[in-house]
Every structure is written in structure tokens, then in C-alpha cells.
Amino acid sequence: MDIKATAKKLSEADRAYYSTGHPVMVDSEYDALKDSLRKEDPEHPLLSKIGSEPSSSWEKASHTIPMGSQNKVNTEEEFIKWASKFPDDTIYTAQPKLDGLSLSLIYEKSEFQCGITRGDGSVGEDITENVLKMKGLKLNLPGFSGAIRAEILLPKSSFEKINSILSDEDQYMNARNAASGISRRLDGRFCQYLTIMPYNVEPDEFFTHENFTTPLNEDQKIKLLWNLGLNAPMQAVGDKNTIPKAFKKLTEKRTEFPFEIDGMVIKVCSHLIQNKMGSASGRPKAQIAWKFEPPGAQTIFIKETWDVGRTGVVTPLAHIKPVEINGSIIRKATLHNVAEIKRLGIGLVIR
């Protein structure tokens, strides 16, 4: 494996995924490349990178509490291995892994102040102007000061409507990337179609509530969100034996959600264990993302183009007949390199 080439390809994929709204590879391909890099060079700096650098288009804003990411597992065996790090009676919370753009909503003495994207985890973009146009935002949370962690989502129905308006070149590949791209549009176009979905809360020292005392366990955080009138999702609370059952149920109901989800986020409920375990490379050790098995579909190859990245890396892209996969319309797929094209035997059939 060429470590330098793999790192460049992952960097280009990060830029496209977080910054342009037009990814060059599907999640399963990205994860496979990153796993290969982790195996060959466990200390590579790219592996500790979170999100992306804030763009120069928006004012930068720092997070008081860093916005991290999660390590992942793909199978029940991997989940059980991760859970074995904790006592057998450990209780976990499980939520759908929302597939959108991570956002921190800041409140001071009940009043909404600003909305900041995750960015690189420490510094994000202040997109308050666009956040104010989105559904689900509450301008006043009585008695609350601190940060509401949320995801900006684009409902599947709105994704189709927006793409029908845009030209073929400007259309988004899936709802997740559309949510990311639209959220940071300077003209604010289409932001009214976006929905803010809270999933976590970080009260500050000014917060007081008759039913909650900080620090909060994970299940208490969800209950606080509900108490504040926010529609936070909760899939299950249980031990290492019940969580896999909840994951199976979520997998079966995946297509019923009005927005995209790509797995389940599982957290150790106890704040004491969370604090004791800490984090590594910005990823908390007491939480994990259990991702769905990557879906697939058959379609027709239309043409091939070559995309030149900002670092000079050339990536062949396959333009395909649009195919729906779990609510996302896929029109392009990366072909990686010439060797992969030959291996797959990709080409046009002249009739």
C-alpha cells in the first residue's frame, strides 16, 4: 500500500465531503481506505483529524467544549469487544446516528445566541444567519445556558425537490451532503428546507433546574432535552445484551425515517465512567458509532471523467444512471485509479 497516496486520497475525500457537498466516494470506500491506513501507519496524523478546517467564507467561532467524533464498529462482534472494556452491568444509551451536519447551538440565560458548525472540533463556522431560517430552532429555552448539540438534516422528500430545481452539475449526491452544502451557502438559499435535530446537551455553570443536577448522565441529557421542549431521538437504554437487539430493530426501520441515518450512536450512560475513560485523538472512549452495513444496487455505467484535486491527485469518476440507495440518489462513484478500472472491466458497450 502507498501510504502517501492513500493519505492524499483521504484528504481529497475529506475536503469534498465536508466542504463542497459533493463527495467523491461512498462511506464504505472511505472507511476501508482509512482502515488500511490505520493498519499500515497507526500514528499517521490524518487519523486523528476531526471534521475539516472552517472555510474562509464564514466567521470562525471557537467551541467552549470541543465537538469530537466517534470511533466506529461494523459488526456485533466488534461492539461486544468494545463493550468488554466496561463492567458487565454497564448501562448504555443508543440513538440513531443522524446523517447531516453537526451543529452547536449556544444559549445564554435562556436566549439563543449563535449556531456554530463542528469544523475541526475546536473551531467552526458561525452560520447563525442561515440557522435562523431552519426548522426546529427554538429562540428561547427558559432557564437554560450552555450548548445544544444538534444535527442539521434535510428530509428525503425535500432532497428530491431541491435536486429537481438544480442543474445536473449542481445536484447533490445525497441528503447528507445537501444538508452540509446548503447550511453554508452564503445566499441562504434552500435553508428553509433544513431541520435542526438536537441529540445532546452541555449545560454551563449558569444552568439550574429543579429536576436536574449537573453533571448529567447520558439518559438524563436526553430527558433534559425533552424537558426543554426539544424533540431529541432516543432508540434504547440497556446493557450490552439488549443494545444489539435495538440495533437490529433500528436497521429494520431505517427506511421509515423521514431523514437519513447511517447507524447507531452508543454511549456509556454514566458520566463517571465517561470522565474516567477520557478520549483519544478527539474521540471519546466511552462511546461508539455502530454503522449500518453499506448498501448496494445495480445500475448502468454512462461515462467516465477525471477529477483533478487541489493537490494534483487525479481521480477517475464513473457517471452512472441515477440509482436510489436508502433514500439517496447516487449519480457518481469513484473508480480510484486505472488499475481498479481494469480490474472491474469498466467500459462502454457500443450497440
Protein backbone atom coordinates (compact mmCIF):
# COMPACT_ATOMS: atom_id res chain seq x y z
CA MET A 1 0.00 0.00 0.00
CA ASP A 2 1.24 3.51 -0.88
CA ILE A 3 0.70 5.38 2.40
CA LYS A 4 1.33 8.82 0.89
CA ALA A 5 -1.12 8.25 -1.99
CA THR A 6 -3.77 6.85 0.36
CA ALA A 7 -3.43 9.84 2.70
CA LYS A 8 -3.79 12.26 -0.24
CA LYS A 9 -6.88 10.43 -1.45
CA LEU A 10 -8.42 10.57 2.03
CA SER A 11 -7.61 14.28 2.32
CA GLU A 12 -9.30 14.96 -1.01
CA ALA A 13 -12.31 12.93 0.14
CA ASP A 14 -12.46 14.92 3.40
CA ARG A 15 -12.43 18.20 1.53
CA ALA A 16 -15.18 17.08 -0.82
CA TYR A 17 -17.27 15.54 1.97
CA TYR A 18 -17.11 18.45 4.43
CA SER A 19 -16.61 21.47 2.21
CA THR A 20 -18.16 21.07 -1.23
CA GLY A 21 -21.28 18.98 -0.60
CA HIS A 22 -20.23 16.72 -3.48
CA PRO A 23 -18.36 13.63 -2.16
CA VAL A 24 -16.04 11.63 -4.40
CA MET A 25 -16.57 8.27 -2.68
CA VAL A 26 -19.20 6.47 -0.62
CA ASP A 27 -18.74 5.98 3.12
CA SER A 28 -17.82 2.31 2.85
CA GLU A 29 -14.96 3.11 0.45
CA TYR A 30 -13.73 5.89 2.68
CA ASP A 31 -13.85 3.70 5.79
CA ALA A 32 -11.96 0.90 4.02
CA LEU A 33 -9.19 3.30 2.96
CA LYS A 34 -8.92 4.73 6.45
CA ASP A 35 -8.79 1.25 8.00
CA SER A 36 -5.98 0.35 5.61
CA LEU A 37 -4.05 3.48 6.58
CA ARG A 38 -4.61 2.74 10.27
CA LYS A 39 -3.22 -0.76 9.80
CA GLU A 40 -0.11 0.41 7.93
CA ASP A 41 0.59 3.61 9.85
CA PRO A 42 -1.36 3.79 13.17
CA GLU A 43 0.24 7.13 14.10
CA HIS A 44 -0.49 8.92 10.84
CA PRO A 45 -1.73 12.47 11.67
CA LEU A 46 -4.69 12.13 9.29
CA LEU A 47 -6.20 9.51 11.62
CA SER A 48 -6.55 12.00 14.45
CA LYS A 49 -8.13 14.67 12.27
CA ILE A 50 -11.75 15.55 13.03
CA GLY A 51 -14.07 17.21 10.52
CA SER A 52 -12.50 19.90 8.37
CA GLU A 53 -10.90 23.31 8.61
CA PRO A 54 -13.51 26.09 8.76
CA SER A 55 -13.89 27.84 5.42
CA SER A 56 -12.93 31.47 4.96
CA SER A 57 -16.44 32.30 3.77
CA TRP A 58 -17.90 32.46 7.31
CA GLU A 59 -16.68 34.00 10.55
CA LYS A 60 -14.83 31.48 12.70
CA ALA A 61 -16.02 30.68 16.24
CA SER A 62 -14.43 28.57 18.96
CA HIS A 63 -16.22 25.78 20.84
CA THR A 64 -16.12 26.11 24.63
CA ILE A 65 -16.45 22.33 24.80
CA PRO A 66 -14.78 20.62 21.79
CA MET A 67 -17.05 18.80 19.34
CA GLY A 68 -15.44 15.40 18.83
CA SER A 69 -16.21 12.42 16.67
CA GLN A 70 -16.69 8.70 17.37
CA ASN A 71 -14.76 5.58 16.68
CA LYS A 72 -16.79 3.02 14.78
CA VAL A 73 -17.72 -0.64 14.74
CA ASN A 74 -19.42 -2.54 11.92
CA THR A 75 -20.46 -5.86 13.50
CA GLU A 76 -21.96 -7.21 16.70
CA GLU A 77 -18.66 -8.93 17.47
CA GLU A 78 -16.84 -5.58 17.27
CA PHE A 79 -19.46 -3.97 19.52
CA ILE A 80 -19.14 -6.72 22.14
CA LYS A 81 -15.34 -6.37 22.05
CA TRP A 82 -15.68 -2.63 22.68
CA ALA A 83 -18.26 -3.17 25.46
CA SER A 84 -15.95 -5.68 27.17
CA LYS A 85 -13.84 -2.71 28.32
CA PHE A 86 -16.59 -1.82 30.78
CA PRO A 87 -18.19 -3.68 33.74
CA ASP A 88 -20.85 -6.25 32.80
CA ASP A 89 -23.62 -4.22 34.45
CA THR A 90 -22.81 -1.07 32.47
CA ILE A 91 -25.87 0.69 31.02
CA TYR A 92 -25.73 2.31 27.59
CA THR A 93 -27.86 4.81 25.71
CA ALA A 94 -28.46 4.35 21.99
CA GLN A 95 -29.61 6.92 19.43
CA PRO A 96 -29.96 6.88 15.65
CA LYS A 97 -26.77 8.18 14.03
CA LEU A 98 -28.12 11.24 12.26
CA ASP A 99 -26.56 11.77 8.84
CA GLY A 100 -26.25 15.52 8.42
CA LEU A 101 -24.05 18.43 9.50
CA SER A 102 -23.09 18.69 13.19
CA LEU A 103 -24.02 21.97 14.87
CA SER A 104 -23.65 23.60 18.29
CA LEU A 105 -26.45 25.95 19.36
CA ILE A 106 -25.29 28.39 22.04
CA TYR A 107 -27.71 29.81 24.65
CA GLU A 108 -27.06 32.39 27.35
CA LYS A 109 -29.63 32.93 30.10
CA SER A 110 -32.37 31.27 28.02
CA GLU A 111 -31.72 33.21 24.81
CA PHE A 112 -30.30 31.76 21.58
CA GLN A 113 -27.00 33.39 20.65
CA CYS A 114 -25.46 31.62 17.66
CA GLY A 115 -25.09 28.39 15.68
CA ILE A 116 -21.58 27.04 15.07
CA THR A 117 -20.63 24.12 12.80
CA ARG A 118 -18.31 21.43 14.15
CA GLY A 119 -15.44 22.47 11.87
CA ASP A 120 -12.27 20.81 13.10
CA GLY A 121 -13.77 20.14 16.53
CA SER A 122 -12.21 23.18 18.18
CA VAL A 123 -13.15 25.96 15.74
CA GLY A 124 -16.19 26.03 13.49
CA GLU A 125 -18.14 28.44 11.30
CA ASP A 126 -20.71 30.84 12.72
CA ILE A 127 -23.65 30.21 10.36
CA THR A 128 -26.26 31.83 12.62
CA GLU A 129 -27.74 33.78 9.69
CA ASN A 130 -28.69 30.52 7.98
CA VAL A 131 -29.63 28.66 11.17
CA LEU A 132 -32.34 31.24 11.85
CA LYS A 133 -34.08 30.12 8.64
CA MET A 134 -34.16 26.42 9.57
CA LYS A 135 -37.00 24.42 11.12
CA GLY A 136 -36.72 23.19 14.70
CA LEU A 137 -34.77 26.13 16.15
CA LYS A 138 -36.04 27.47 19.50
CA LEU A 139 -35.01 31.04 20.20
CA ASN A 140 -35.77 30.73 23.91
CA LEU A 141 -35.12 27.82 26.30
CA PRO A 142 -36.35 29.00 29.73
CA GLY A 143 -33.63 28.74 32.37
CA PHE A 144 -31.02 27.18 30.08
CA SER A 145 -27.46 28.31 29.44
CA GLY A 146 -24.96 26.23 27.52
CA ALA A 147 -24.73 24.33 24.25
CA ILE A 148 -27.30 22.17 22.48
CA ARG A 149 -25.58 19.70 20.17
CA ALA A 150 -27.65 19.05 17.07
CA GLU A 151 -27.58 17.79 13.51
CA ILE A 152 -28.77 19.75 10.50
CA LEU A 153 -30.84 17.38 8.39
CA LEU A 154 -32.55 17.52 5.01
CA PRO A 155 -35.69 15.36 4.80
CA LYS A 156 -35.66 12.88 1.92
CA SER A 157 -38.69 14.50 0.30
CA SER A 158 -37.03 17.93 0.32
CA PHE A 159 -33.83 16.45 -1.13
CA GLU A 160 -35.71 15.32 -4.23
CA LYS A 161 -37.47 18.67 -4.55
CA ILE A 162 -34.23 20.67 -4.36
CA ASN A 163 -32.41 18.44 -6.84
CA SER A 164 -35.29 18.82 -9.30
CA ILE A 165 -34.66 22.58 -9.26
CA LEU A 166 -30.88 22.40 -9.70
CA SER A 167 -28.99 21.65 -12.90
CA ASP A 168 -27.38 18.23 -13.32
CA GLU A 169 -23.95 19.66 -12.49
CA ASP A 170 -25.15 21.32 -9.27
CA GLN A 171 -27.27 18.48 -7.92
CA TYR A 172 -26.32 16.92 -4.60
CA MET A 173 -25.34 13.27 -4.35
CA ASN A 174 -27.33 12.58 -1.17
CA ALA A 175 -29.31 14.30 1.56
CA ARG A 176 -26.36 14.45 3.96
CA ASN A 177 -24.16 16.37 1.58
CA ALA A 178 -27.05 18.57 0.56
CA ALA A 179 -27.60 19.49 4.23
CA SER A 180 -23.91 20.34 4.59
CA GLY A 181 -23.73 22.35 1.38
CA ILE A 182 -26.98 24.25 1.87
CA SER A 183 -26.24 25.11 5.51
CA ARG A 184 -23.16 27.05 4.45
CA ARG A 185 -24.49 28.75 1.33
CA LEU A 186 -23.75 32.46 1.54
CA ASP A 187 -27.08 33.33 -0.09
CA GLY A 188 -29.07 31.15 2.37
CA ARG A 189 -30.95 29.51 -0.49
CA PHE A 190 -32.92 26.36 0.45
CA CYS A 191 -32.17 26.73 4.20
CA GLN A 192 -35.92 26.77 4.88
CA TYR A 193 -35.99 23.09 3.91
CA LEU A 194 -33.48 22.10 6.57
CA THR A 195 -34.39 20.75 10.01
CA ILE A 196 -32.38 21.02 13.24
CA MET A 197 -32.48 17.81 15.32
CA PRO A 198 -30.99 18.09 18.86
CA TYR A 199 -29.26 14.98 20.23
CA ASN A 200 -27.14 16.11 23.21
CA VAL A 201 -26.80 18.93 25.71
CA GLU A 202 -23.90 20.55 27.58
CA PRO A 203 -25.19 22.93 30.27
CA ASP A 204 -22.79 25.56 31.61
CA GLU A 205 -22.27 26.82 35.15
CA PHE A 206 -25.22 29.24 34.92
CA PHE A 207 -27.73 26.43 34.31
CA THR A 208 -30.10 25.48 37.12
CA HIS A 209 -33.16 23.23 37.00
CA GLU A 210 -35.33 21.82 39.75
CA ASN A 211 -35.23 18.28 38.29
CA PHE A 212 -31.62 18.08 37.05
CA THR A 213 -28.26 18.44 38.76
CA THR A 214 -25.05 18.62 36.73
CA PRO A 215 -23.03 16.70 35.73
CA LEU A 216 -25.63 14.65 33.87
CA ASN A 217 -25.64 11.01 32.80
CA GLU A 218 -26.42 10.38 29.13
CA ASP A 219 -30.04 9.34 29.74
CA GLN A 220 -30.54 12.48 31.85
CA LYS A 221 -29.25 14.63 29.00
CA ILE A 222 -31.94 13.23 26.70
CA LYS A 223 -34.61 13.77 29.36
CA LEU A 224 -33.41 17.36 29.81
CA LEU A 225 -33.75 17.98 26.08
CA TRP A 226 -37.29 16.65 26.20
CA ASN A 227 -37.99 18.78 29.27
CA LEU A 228 -36.81 21.84 27.35
CA GLY A 229 -39.32 21.00 24.63
CA LEU A 230 -36.77 19.69 22.13
CA ASN A 231 -37.51 16.64 20.00
CA ALA A 232 -34.37 14.58 20.69
CA PRO A 233 -34.29 11.00 19.36
CA MET A 234 -33.82 8.03 21.70
CA GLN A 235 -33.70 4.44 20.50
CA ALA A 236 -32.90 2.45 23.64
CA VAL A 237 -31.35 2.30 27.09
CA GLY A 238 -29.92 -1.08 28.03
CA ASP A 239 -26.95 -3.36 28.63
CA LYS A 240 -24.54 -4.98 26.15
CA ASN A 241 -27.05 -7.79 25.53
CA THR A 242 -30.04 -5.59 24.67
CA ILE A 243 -28.24 -2.97 22.54
CA PRO A 244 -27.64 -5.41 19.61
CA LYS A 245 -31.38 -6.14 19.58
CA ALA A 246 -32.07 -2.41 19.43
CA PHE A 247 -29.58 -2.08 16.56
CA LYS A 248 -31.35 -4.84 14.62
CA LYS A 249 -34.70 -3.14 15.15
CA LEU A 250 -33.28 0.20 14.02
CA THR A 251 -31.85 -1.44 10.89
CA GLU A 252 -35.27 -2.85 10.02
CA LYS A 253 -36.94 0.56 10.48
CA ARG A 254 -34.21 2.58 8.79
CA THR A 255 -36.16 3.39 5.65
CA GLU A 256 -39.15 4.61 7.71
CA PHE A 257 -37.23 7.65 8.96
CA PRO A 258 -38.04 10.87 7.05
CA PHE A 259 -34.33 11.72 7.04
CA GLU A 260 -31.11 9.79 6.55
CA ILE A 261 -29.48 7.79 9.36
CA ASP A 262 -26.37 5.67 8.91
CA GLY A 263 -26.16 3.68 12.12
CA MET A 264 -26.47 3.96 15.88
CA VAL A 265 -24.51 6.03 18.39
CA ILE A 266 -23.94 4.12 21.64
CA LYS A 267 -22.69 5.81 24.81
CA VAL A 268 -21.87 4.59 28.28
CA CYS A 269 -24.61 6.16 30.36
CA SER A 270 -22.53 7.02 33.46
CA HIS A 271 -20.75 10.38 33.37
CA LEU A 272 -18.28 8.98 35.92
CA ILE A 273 -17.17 6.24 33.51
CA GLN A 274 -17.16 8.71 30.62
CA ASN A 275 -14.82 11.04 32.53
CA LYS A 276 -12.59 8.19 33.72
CA MET A 277 -12.15 6.78 30.20
CA GLY A 278 -11.48 10.16 28.59
CA SER A 279 -10.75 10.41 24.88
CA ALA A 280 -8.05 9.75 22.31
CA SER A 281 -7.49 11.91 19.23
CA GLY A 282 -10.72 13.77 19.95
CA ARG A 283 -12.80 10.58 20.08
CA PRO A 284 -14.39 9.67 23.44
CA LYS A 285 -13.50 6.13 24.51
CA ALA A 286 -16.88 5.59 26.19
CA GLN A 287 -18.96 5.99 23.04
CA ILE A 288 -19.02 4.31 19.66
CA ALA A 289 -20.78 4.58 16.30
CA TRP A 290 -22.17 1.25 15.09
CA LYS A 291 -22.63 1.78 11.36
CA PHE A 292 -25.08 0.01 9.09
CA GLU A 293 -23.79 -2.46 6.55
CA PRO A 294 -23.15 -0.48 3.36
CA PRO A 295 -25.96 -0.96 0.84
CA GLY A 296 -25.54 -1.59 -2.86
CA ALA A 297 -27.52 -1.51 -6.07
CA GLN A 298 -27.18 -2.30 -9.78
CA THR A 299 -27.12 0.46 -12.36
CA ILE A 300 -25.70 1.37 -15.78
CA PHE A 301 -22.33 2.98 -16.49
CA ILE A 302 -22.76 6.11 -18.66
CA LYS A 303 -19.36 7.76 -18.95
CA GLU A 304 -16.05 8.33 -17.24
CA THR A 305 -14.47 11.66 -16.25
CA TRP A 306 -11.26 12.58 -14.46
CA ASP A 307 -11.32 14.86 -11.43
CA VAL A 308 -8.15 16.78 -10.53
CA GLY A 309 -7.93 17.59 -6.83
CA ARG A 310 -6.33 20.72 -5.40
CA THR A 311 -3.16 18.76 -4.58
CA GLY A 312 -2.92 17.42 -8.14
CA VAL A 313 -4.31 13.96 -7.37
CA VAL A 314 -6.28 12.69 -10.38
CA THR A 315 -9.31 10.53 -9.59
CA PRO A 316 -11.43 8.79 -12.24
CA LEU A 317 -15.18 9.08 -11.69
CA ALA A 318 -17.91 6.89 -13.10
CA HIS A 319 -21.10 8.70 -14.11
CA ILE A 320 -23.93 6.23 -13.71
CA LYS A 321 -27.63 6.06 -14.34
CA PRO A 322 -29.13 7.56 -11.15
CA VAL A 323 -29.93 4.85 -8.64
CA GLU A 324 -31.61 5.17 -5.23
CA ILE A 325 -29.88 3.67 -2.20
CA ASN A 326 -31.68 4.16 1.10
CA GLY A 327 -33.20 7.44 0.01
CA SER A 328 -30.07 8.89 -1.59
CA ILE A 329 -29.78 9.29 -5.35
CA ILE A 330 -26.32 8.17 -6.48
CA ARG A 331 -25.08 9.59 -9.79
CA LYS A 332 -21.31 9.24 -9.47
CA ALA A 333 -18.85 6.75 -7.99
CA THR A 334 -15.08 6.94 -7.61
CA LEU A 335 -13.05 4.43 -9.63
CA HIS A 336 -9.90 5.10 -7.57
CA ASN A 337 -7.27 4.53 -10.31
CA VAL A 338 -6.53 2.94 -13.68
CA ALA A 339 -5.68 -0.43 -12.13
CA GLU A 340 -9.10 -0.56 -10.48
CA ILE A 341 -10.83 0.32 -13.76
CA LYS A 342 -9.04 -2.59 -15.47
CA ARG A 343 -9.80 -4.95 -12.59
CA LEU A 344 -13.51 -4.14 -12.75
CA GLY A 345 -13.57 -4.26 -16.55
CA ILE A 346 -15.44 -0.98 -16.72
CA GLY A 347 -16.22 0.40 -20.17
CA LEU A 348 -18.90 1.41 -22.59
CA VAL A 349 -20.74 -1.14 -24.66
CA ILE A 350 -21.46 0.22 -28.16
CA ARG A 351 -24.75 -1.03 -29.54
